[in-house]
Amino acid sequence: MVLARQRGWLLEDVDGNTYADHVSAWGSAPLRGSSRVADAMDACERSLGMQNTAYTISEPVVELAERIVEISPEGLTRVAYSLSGTLAVEGSIKLAREATGRPMILGFLGQYHGESTYLTAGSSTDLAEVTTQHAQFAPGLVFIPYPNAYRAPFHRGAGPFDDTATLDYLEDWVLVHQVEPGEIAGVLIEPVLGEGGIIAPSPAFWERLQAMCRRWGWKLILDEVQTGLGRCGTMFAAERYGIRPDLMLLGKGFSGGGQPIGAILGTEEIMARSTLALGGTFAWTPPSAAGALANIDAILDTGALENVMLMERTALDVLGPLVRDVEHVGDVRASGAYIGVEFVQDKISIRPAPAFHRAVHRAALRRGVLGLTQWGKWVYRLQPPLDMPIDLFHWSCEQVAEAVRETASDPPPEPALLIDRERAS
């Protein structure tokens, strides 16, 4: 699709087709119905212009730092400038290693943390093909499966499973046979698995993981690049799921759809005496800070968070029955305006159905809905703007449901193995 124009929550291509926007710039444009971010950036650009904040500070930068700390989870009292989510992740790893003097980072299979060489080699593991042929294998990283109550390693068929079993694997196998607890500096985790399929761990998982972090001195690094700034119905997913991170990472929606900006928030223990340089020439320019400030205020005072929870209920009401009615729908999940429909070849084996997924995406496009898809994955994702009118959102969910039913009437053949990377014509 080649975009011609955007009108609020609708996208129009150069051929005149119109789509409900369920991409929201991959979560980077959380509000489509407000011009406040653009207006704030424009005014700041005229008055302050481009400045290197690492050298010349300005009032919007100070105001944003104070504001983001004010609304962040308890204990996060420091903020470091960053330009993007990718760079925020890189900086957090440096901070955890500096604070602990330890070399290793524990990550989770299925997560996505950015496109730098180090991270594509080590942490961007939502699909193995992301790293193929262009990234070295990096030391200092160890992985366990992301907790998943529907689809678990070493189990056949559909759950519900106890998703704390992944921590059993960590304690009984990884920490015994691969790395000692005292070698791990930090645990890098998304509060809701995004690229890997919109999966929210259970309260029991978070309680036990945080207890392990306290016991062994691991720093809990919460990657809120996609979940932060209202995506899950609270300002941060940490609030919704009762998580107390040592470091929290922001990007994407933090910008409000304005100039790129990211942030690392952390505790006094980790960041007060840090000597690391984590910013960069374009990190937190005055206009980007002014836009991010306007974005925070708009989310909080326009009812966006309440609208997100309405969208969650609507998605589950409209798409949820597909699990009962369609053999190829294994699960429907929603965490606020973060929605996933998991496709399977059948409900017994729950073998992934990436070809079915792609066919649904194309059928939804014909019905005027642009969601998130990628060949090789089997979870169709909807990531609408936080302020999408609920009537438009309801209609678009109905179109997706019809696209699923149409595809189920004549399902496409699936690859013999999930690791087959051949793309059907």
Protein backbone atom coordinates (compact mmCIF):
# COMPACT_ATOMS: atom_id res chain seq x y z
CA MET A 1 0.00 0.00 0.00
CA VAL A 2 1.23 3.49 -0.89
CA LEU A 3 -0.35 6.07 1.40
CA ALA A 4 -1.88 9.19 -0.14
CA ARG A 5 -3.35 10.84 2.95
CA GLN A 6 -4.48 10.34 6.53
CA ARG A 7 -7.82 11.62 7.78
CA GLY A 8 -8.08 11.08 11.51
CA TRP A 9 -8.37 7.34 12.09
CA LEU A 10 -8.63 6.53 8.35
CA LEU A 11 -5.85 5.95 5.84
CA GLU A 12 -6.32 6.42 2.08
CA ASP A 13 -3.99 4.91 -0.51
CA VAL A 14 -3.06 6.32 -3.92
CA ASP A 15 -5.75 4.15 -5.55
CA GLY A 16 -8.50 5.72 -3.45
CA ASN A 17 -9.01 2.80 -1.05
CA THR A 18 -9.76 3.73 2.57
CA TYR A 19 -8.74 1.70 5.61
CA ALA A 20 -9.40 1.88 9.33
CA ASP A 21 -5.97 2.41 10.88
CA HIS A 22 -5.06 -0.51 13.15
CA VAL A 23 -1.34 0.14 12.87
CA SER A 24 -1.07 3.65 14.37
CA ALA A 25 2.45 3.97 12.95
CA TRP A 26 3.36 0.72 14.72
CA GLY A 27 2.14 2.25 17.97
CA SER A 28 4.16 5.45 17.51
CA ALA A 29 1.09 7.63 16.89
CA PRO A 30 -1.19 6.91 19.85
CA LEU A 31 -3.66 9.75 19.19
CA ARG A 32 -5.01 10.43 15.71
CA GLY A 33 -7.78 12.83 16.74
CA SER A 34 -5.58 15.53 18.26
CA SER A 35 -3.26 18.15 16.78
CA ARG A 36 -1.77 19.10 20.16
CA VAL A 37 1.55 17.33 19.59
CA ALA A 38 2.12 18.95 16.19
CA ASP A 39 1.11 22.37 17.51
CA ALA A 40 3.46 22.10 20.51
CA MET A 41 6.39 20.98 18.36
CA ASP A 42 5.78 23.72 15.83
CA ALA A 43 5.75 26.44 18.50
CA CYS A 44 8.90 25.03 20.11
CA GLU A 45 10.70 24.74 16.78
CA ARG A 46 10.07 28.42 16.11
CA SER A 47 11.26 29.53 19.58
CA LEU A 48 14.13 27.13 20.36
CA GLY A 49 14.91 25.19 17.20
CA MET A 50 17.32 22.27 17.16
CA GLN A 51 19.61 21.97 20.19
CA ASN A 52 21.91 19.20 21.40
CA THR A 53 20.34 18.51 24.78
CA ALA A 54 23.40 16.62 25.99
CA TYR A 55 25.20 19.98 25.88
CA THR A 56 22.54 22.73 25.96
CA ILE A 57 19.49 22.08 28.11
CA SER A 58 16.13 23.83 27.67
CA GLU A 59 12.89 24.26 29.58
CA PRO A 60 10.80 21.71 27.60
CA VAL A 61 13.43 19.06 28.32
CA VAL A 62 13.41 19.75 32.07
CA GLU A 63 9.61 19.84 32.12
CA LEU A 64 9.35 16.52 30.29
CA ALA A 65 11.86 14.82 32.60
CA GLU A 66 9.95 16.01 35.66
CA ARG A 67 6.58 15.05 34.14
CA ILE A 68 7.54 11.54 33.08
CA VAL A 69 9.09 10.79 36.47
CA GLU A 70 5.96 12.17 38.18
CA ILE A 71 3.62 9.74 36.40
CA SER A 72 5.95 6.71 36.33
CA PRO A 73 5.82 3.71 38.71
CA GLU A 74 7.08 4.24 42.23
CA GLY A 75 10.84 4.17 42.62
CA LEU A 76 11.70 5.42 39.13
CA THR A 77 13.17 8.82 39.94
CA ARG A 78 15.81 9.30 37.24
CA VAL A 79 15.55 9.65 33.47
CA ALA A 80 18.18 9.34 30.74
CA TYR A 81 17.65 10.79 27.29
CA SER A 82 17.38 8.47 24.32
CA LEU A 83 16.37 8.76 20.69
CA SER A 84 14.47 5.49 20.18
CA GLY A 85 13.33 2.32 21.85
CA THR A 86 16.26 0.42 20.36
CA LEU A 87 18.80 2.79 21.90
CA ALA A 88 16.92 2.78 25.21
CA VAL A 89 17.27 -1.01 25.35
CA GLU A 90 20.98 -0.78 24.58
CA GLY A 91 21.42 1.84 27.32
CA SER A 92 19.52 -0.20 29.89
CA ILE A 93 21.81 -3.17 29.36
CA LYS A 94 24.81 -0.92 29.96
CA LEU A 95 23.21 0.47 33.13
CA ALA A 96 22.38 -2.97 34.54
CA ARG A 97 25.93 -4.18 33.92
CA GLU A 98 27.45 -1.02 35.37
CA ALA A 99 25.28 -1.18 38.51
CA THR A 100 25.93 -4.85 39.24
CA GLY A 101 29.36 -5.49 37.78
CA ARG A 102 27.91 -8.61 36.16
CA PRO A 103 28.08 -9.60 32.48
CA MET A 104 24.89 -11.53 31.62
CA ILE A 105 21.39 -10.43 30.55
CA LEU A 106 18.43 -12.82 30.76
CA GLY A 107 15.93 -12.44 27.90
CA PHE A 108 12.84 -14.27 26.66
CA LEU A 109 12.29 -16.02 23.34
CA GLY A 110 9.70 -14.30 21.18
CA GLN A 111 10.50 -10.76 22.26
CA TYR A 112 11.60 -7.91 20.03
CA HIS A 113 13.91 -5.16 21.24
CA GLY A 114 15.17 -3.33 18.17
CA GLU A 115 17.37 -3.40 15.11
CA SER A 116 20.88 -2.59 16.25
CA THR A 117 23.48 -5.22 15.41
CA TYR A 118 23.88 -6.36 19.01
CA LEU A 119 20.15 -6.71 19.60
CA THR A 120 19.31 -8.41 16.32
CA ALA A 121 22.00 -10.91 17.17
CA GLY A 122 20.88 -11.39 20.72
CA SER A 123 17.44 -10.14 21.64
CA SER A 124 15.30 -9.57 18.55
CA THR A 125 14.09 -13.13 18.50
CA ASP A 126 10.43 -12.82 17.56
CA LEU A 127 11.48 -14.62 14.36
CA ALA A 128 14.87 -16.22 13.71
CA GLU A 129 14.91 -14.79 10.18
CA VAL A 130 15.30 -11.28 11.65
CA THR A 131 18.96 -12.04 12.35
CA THR A 132 19.74 -14.28 9.39
CA GLN A 133 22.84 -13.49 7.30
CA HIS A 134 23.59 -10.07 8.79
CA ALA A 135 24.24 -10.25 12.54
CA GLN A 136 26.91 -11.91 14.62
CA PHE A 137 26.01 -14.11 17.56
CA ALA A 138 26.61 -11.95 20.62
CA PRO A 139 27.92 -13.09 23.99
CA GLY A 140 26.43 -12.07 27.32
CA LEU A 141 22.85 -13.18 26.66
CA VAL A 142 20.83 -16.16 27.82
CA PHE A 143 17.20 -16.95 26.94
CA ILE A 144 14.19 -18.82 28.23
CA PRO A 145 10.71 -19.08 26.64
CA TYR A 146 8.30 -16.21 27.22
CA PRO A 147 5.46 -17.31 29.56
CA ASN A 148 2.46 -18.45 27.56
CA ALA A 149 -0.63 -20.06 29.05
CA TYR A 150 -2.01 -21.07 25.63
CA ARG A 151 1.07 -22.49 23.88
CA ALA A 152 3.88 -23.87 26.04
CA PRO A 153 7.15 -25.66 25.23
CA PHE A 154 7.29 -29.38 26.10
CA HIS A 155 3.47 -29.57 25.92
CA ARG A 156 1.28 -30.59 23.01
CA GLY A 157 -2.06 -28.98 22.30
CA ALA A 158 -3.76 -25.95 23.73
CA GLY A 159 -3.62 -24.77 27.33
CA PRO A 160 -4.46 -23.32 29.71
CA PHE A 161 -1.03 -24.08 31.13
CA ASP A 162 0.69 -22.72 34.22
CA ASP A 163 2.90 -20.04 32.68
CA THR A 164 5.24 -20.05 35.69
CA ALA A 165 6.63 -23.31 34.27
CA THR A 166 9.07 -21.19 32.29
CA LEU A 167 10.55 -20.08 35.62
CA ASP A 168 10.81 -23.74 36.69
CA TYR A 169 12.90 -24.23 33.56
CA LEU A 170 15.03 -21.24 34.51
CA GLU A 171 15.65 -22.42 38.07
CA ASP A 172 15.99 -26.15 37.42
CA TRP A 173 17.93 -26.10 34.16
CA VAL A 174 19.36 -22.76 33.01
CA LEU A 175 20.71 -21.66 36.40
CA VAL A 176 22.03 -25.16 37.08
CA HIS A 177 23.56 -26.00 33.70
CA GLN A 178 24.21 -22.73 31.86
CA VAL A 179 24.75 -19.63 34.01
CA GLU A 180 24.98 -18.98 37.74
CA PRO A 181 22.51 -16.48 39.27
CA GLY A 182 25.36 -14.26 40.41
CA GLU A 183 26.46 -13.73 36.80
CA ILE A 184 23.14 -12.20 35.70
CA ALA A 185 22.97 -8.41 35.76
CA GLY A 186 19.43 -7.87 34.51
CA VAL A 187 16.23 -9.42 33.21
CA LEU A 188 14.99 -7.82 29.99
CA ILE A 189 11.27 -8.42 29.46
CA GLU A 190 8.21 -6.96 27.77
CA PRO A 191 5.19 -6.68 30.13
CA VAL A 192 3.04 -7.87 27.23
CA LEU A 193 4.71 -9.80 24.42
CA GLY A 194 4.05 -7.65 21.35
CA GLU A 195 5.62 -8.87 18.11
CA GLY A 196 5.44 -12.41 19.47
CA GLY A 197 1.66 -12.44 19.75
CA ILE A 198 0.06 -10.16 22.41
CA ILE A 199 0.62 -12.40 25.43
CA ALA A 200 0.19 -11.09 28.97
CA PRO A 201 1.82 -13.22 31.72
CA SER A 202 -0.15 -14.17 34.80
CA PRO A 203 0.09 -12.35 38.17
CA ALA A 204 1.76 -15.49 39.54
CA PHE A 205 4.52 -15.20 36.96
CA TRP A 206 5.24 -11.56 37.81
CA GLU A 207 5.19 -12.20 41.55
CA ARG A 208 7.67 -15.05 41.25
CA LEU A 209 9.96 -13.33 38.74
CA GLN A 210 10.21 -10.23 40.91
CA ALA A 211 10.97 -12.38 43.94
CA MET A 212 13.81 -14.03 42.00
CA CYS A 213 15.16 -10.59 41.04
CA ARG A 214 15.20 -9.53 44.69
CA ARG A 215 16.78 -12.78 45.83
CA TRP A 216 19.68 -12.71 43.37
CA GLY A 217 20.13 -8.99 42.83
CA TRP A 218 18.94 -8.98 39.22
CA LYS A 219 17.78 -5.64 37.81
CA LEU A 220 14.32 -5.90 36.27
CA ILE A 221 14.35 -4.07 32.91
CA LEU A 222 10.81 -3.51 31.65
CA ASP A 223 10.61 -2.79 27.93
CA GLU A 224 7.53 -0.54 27.65
CA VAL A 225 8.40 0.77 24.20
CA GLN A 226 5.17 -0.65 22.76
CA THR A 227 3.04 -0.99 25.92
CA GLY A 228 3.80 2.39 27.50
CA LEU A 229 1.81 5.62 27.17
CA GLY A 230 -1.67 4.13 27.43
CA ARG A 231 -1.55 1.17 25.06
CA CYS A 232 -2.74 -1.30 27.72
CA GLY A 233 -5.35 0.94 29.33
CA THR A 234 -3.09 2.38 32.02
CA MET A 235 -0.34 4.89 31.40
CA PHE A 236 2.18 2.04 31.73
CA ALA A 237 1.57 -1.70 31.63
CA ALA A 238 3.56 -1.90 34.88
CA GLU A 239 0.59 -0.28 36.64
CA ARG A 240 -1.92 -2.73 35.22
CA TYR A 241 0.10 -5.84 36.04
CA GLY A 242 1.64 -4.82 39.38
CA ILE A 243 5.27 -4.70 38.21
CA ARG A 244 7.98 -2.72 40.03
CA PRO A 245 10.86 -2.36 37.56
CA ASP A 246 14.36 -1.12 38.27
CA LEU A 247 14.59 0.26 34.74
CA MET A 248 11.73 1.12 32.38
CA LEU A 249 12.17 1.86 28.69
CA LEU A 250 10.08 4.18 26.53
CA GLY A 251 9.93 4.88 22.80
CA LYS A 252 7.36 4.73 19.97
CA GLY A 253 4.17 6.13 21.56
CA PHE A 254 6.22 8.34 23.87
CA SER A 255 6.69 10.64 20.88
CA GLY A 256 2.97 11.10 20.35
CA GLY A 257 3.59 10.71 16.63
CA GLY A 258 5.98 13.65 16.65
CA GLN A 259 9.75 13.72 16.50
CA PRO A 260 11.51 10.50 17.58
CA ILE A 261 12.24 10.29 21.30
CA GLY A 262 12.99 7.56 23.82
CA ALA A 263 13.80 7.37 27.51
CA ILE A 264 15.30 5.17 30.20
CA LEU A 265 13.74 5.60 33.63
CA GLY A 266 15.49 4.11 36.62
CA THR A 267 16.03 4.05 40.35
CA GLU A 268 18.44 6.18 42.34
CA GLU A 269 20.52 3.07 43.05
CA ILE A 270 21.16 2.43 39.37
CA MET A 271 21.30 5.86 37.81
CA ALA A 272 22.25 8.49 40.40
CA ARG A 273 25.98 7.88 40.13
CA SER A 274 26.15 6.45 36.62
CA THR A 275 28.89 7.80 34.38
CA LEU A 276 27.49 6.34 31.15
CA ALA A 277 26.80 8.54 28.12
CA LEU A 278 23.39 7.37 26.88
CA GLY A 279 22.00 10.29 24.87
CA GLY A 280 23.13 11.41 21.44
CA THR A 281 22.95 14.41 19.13
CA PHE A 282 19.23 14.10 18.39
CA ALA A 283 18.04 12.72 21.75
CA TRP A 284 15.44 14.96 23.37
CA THR A 285 15.68 17.98 21.10
CA PRO A 286 13.42 20.75 22.46
CA PRO A 287 10.64 20.18 19.86
CA SER A 288 10.58 16.43 20.51
CA ALA A 289 10.33 17.07 24.25
CA ALA A 290 7.54 19.60 23.73
CA GLY A 291 5.65 17.09 21.59
CA ALA A 292 6.07 14.30 24.15
CA LEU A 293 4.78 16.63 26.89
CA ALA A 294 1.70 17.50 24.84
CA ASN A 295 1.15 13.80 24.15
CA ILE A 296 1.16 12.91 27.86
CA ASP A 297 -1.34 15.67 28.65
CA ALA A 298 -3.59 14.69 25.75
CA ILE A 299 -3.69 11.02 26.79
CA LEU A 300 -4.53 11.92 30.38
CA ASP A 301 -7.14 14.62 29.82
CA THR A 302 -9.06 13.45 26.73
CA GLY A 303 -10.40 10.15 28.08
CA ALA A 304 -8.04 8.06 25.96
CA LEU A 305 -7.34 5.53 28.73
CA GLU A 306 -11.05 4.94 29.30
CA ASN A 307 -11.53 4.54 25.55
CA VAL A 308 -8.78 1.94 25.45
CA MET A 309 -10.59 -0.21 28.00
CA LEU A 310 -13.79 0.09 25.95
CA MET A 311 -11.82 -1.11 22.91
CA GLU A 312 -10.52 -4.11 24.87
CA ARG A 313 -14.06 -5.17 25.81
CA THR A 314 -15.30 -4.57 22.27
CA ALA A 315 -12.50 -6.65 20.74
CA LEU A 316 -13.20 -9.56 23.08
CA ASP A 317 -16.96 -9.31 22.48
CA VAL A 318 -16.68 -9.22 18.67
CA LEU A 319 -13.62 -11.39 18.04
CA GLY A 320 -13.79 -13.69 21.05
CA PRO A 321 -16.63 -15.88 19.66
CA LEU A 322 -14.35 -16.86 16.76
CA VAL A 323 -12.56 -19.25 19.15
CA ARG A 324 -15.82 -21.18 19.51
CA ASP A 325 -17.02 -20.86 15.93
CA VAL A 326 -13.92 -21.21 13.73
CA GLU A 327 -11.60 -24.24 13.81
CA HIS A 328 -8.63 -22.13 12.75
CA VAL A 329 -8.90 -19.61 15.59
CA GLY A 330 -7.04 -20.88 18.62
CA ASP A 331 -7.13 -17.84 20.88
CA VAL A 332 -8.14 -14.17 21.02
CA ARG A 333 -6.24 -11.90 23.40
CA ALA A 334 -6.47 -8.22 24.29
CA SER A 335 -4.54 -5.99 26.63
CA GLY A 336 -6.19 -2.64 26.11
CA ALA A 337 -5.71 -1.50 22.50
CA TYR A 338 -3.22 -4.31 21.94
CA ILE A 339 -5.17 -7.16 20.34
CA GLY A 340 -4.14 -10.50 18.85
CA VAL A 341 -5.98 -13.33 17.06
CA GLU A 342 -3.96 -16.56 16.99
CA PHE A 343 -4.51 -18.85 14.02
CA VAL A 344 -3.96 -22.62 14.15
CA GLN A 345 -4.35 -25.47 11.70
CA ASP A 346 -6.71 -27.21 14.10
CA LYS A 347 -7.70 -26.90 17.74
CA ILE A 348 -6.18 -30.25 18.75
CA SER A 349 -2.62 -29.89 17.51
CA ILE A 350 -2.67 -26.05 17.55
CA ARG A 351 0.00 -26.13 14.86
CA PRO A 352 0.56 -22.51 13.75
CA ALA A 353 -1.17 -21.34 10.57
CA PRO A 354 0.90 -18.51 9.01
CA ALA A 355 -0.67 -18.91 5.56
CA PHE A 356 -4.15 -18.59 7.08
CA HIS A 357 -2.92 -15.48 8.90
CA ARG A 358 -1.76 -13.84 5.69
CA ALA A 359 -5.01 -14.71 3.92
CA VAL A 360 -6.98 -13.08 6.73
CA HIS A 361 -4.86 -9.95 6.46
CA ARG A 362 -5.61 -9.69 2.74
CA ALA A 363 -9.33 -10.33 3.28
CA ALA A 364 -9.39 -7.63 5.96
CA LEU A 365 -7.71 -5.19 3.57
CA ARG A 366 -10.47 -5.82 1.04
CA ARG A 367 -12.94 -4.90 3.78
CA GLY A 368 -11.13 -1.70 4.69
CA VAL A 369 -9.01 -2.65 7.71
CA LEU A 370 -5.23 -2.34 7.89
CA GLY A 371 -3.77 -4.43 10.71
CA LEU A 372 -0.32 -5.83 11.46
CA THR A 373 1.02 -8.93 9.75
CA GLN A 374 4.30 -10.54 8.73
CA TRP A 375 4.96 -13.75 6.86
CA GLY A 376 6.02 -16.53 9.22
CA LYS A 377 3.83 -15.31 12.09
CA TRP A 378 0.39 -16.66 12.93
CA VAL A 379 -1.07 -13.97 15.21
CA TYR A 380 -2.96 -11.13 13.51
CA ARG A 381 -2.55 -7.94 15.50
CA LEU A 382 -4.71 -4.86 15.85
CA GLN A 383 -3.01 -1.80 17.31
CA PRO A 384 -5.45 1.09 16.80
CA PRO A 385 -4.96 4.68 17.94
CA LEU A 386 -5.98 5.05 21.57
CA ASP A 387 -8.69 7.57 20.69
CA MET A 388 -10.32 5.71 17.79
CA PRO A 389 -14.12 6.22 18.08
CA ILE A 390 -15.66 3.09 19.52
CA ASP A 391 -18.22 2.79 16.68
CA LEU A 392 -15.44 2.76 14.07
CA PHE A 393 -13.46 0.29 16.14
CA HIS A 394 -16.49 -2.00 16.53
CA TRP A 395 -17.11 -1.90 12.78
CA SER A 396 -13.48 -2.71 12.00
CA CYS A 397 -13.49 -5.67 14.39
CA GLU A 398 -16.60 -6.96 12.61
CA GLN A 399 -14.75 -6.73 9.29
CA VAL A 400 -11.85 -8.74 10.70
CA ALA A 401 -14.28 -11.36 11.99
CA GLU A 402 -15.86 -11.63 8.54
CA ALA A 403 -12.40 -11.89 6.97
CA VAL A 404 -11.63 -14.82 9.28
CA ARG A 405 -14.87 -16.59 8.40
CA GLU A 406 -14.30 -16.07 4.68
CA THR A 407 -10.79 -17.50 4.92
CA ALA A 408 -12.02 -20.46 6.98
CA SER A 409 -14.45 -21.41 4.20
CA ASP A 410 -11.48 -22.22 1.93
CA PRO A 411 -8.28 -22.26 4.03
CA PRO A 412 -4.95 -22.04 2.20
CA PRO A 413 -2.35 -24.84 2.43
CA GLU A 414 0.20 -24.39 5.20
CA PRO A 415 3.97 -24.98 5.03
CA ALA A 416 5.02 -28.43 6.22
CA LEU A 417 7.23 -26.89 8.90
CA LEU A 418 7.01 -23.53 10.62
CA ILE A 419 10.69 -22.92 9.85
CA ASP A 420 10.01 -23.16 6.10
CA ARG A 421 10.64 -19.62 4.91
CA GLU A 422 9.32 -20.07 1.40
CA ARG A 423 6.70 -17.41 0.68
CA ALA A 424 3.70 -18.58 -1.29
CA SER A 425 2.79 -16.46 -4.31
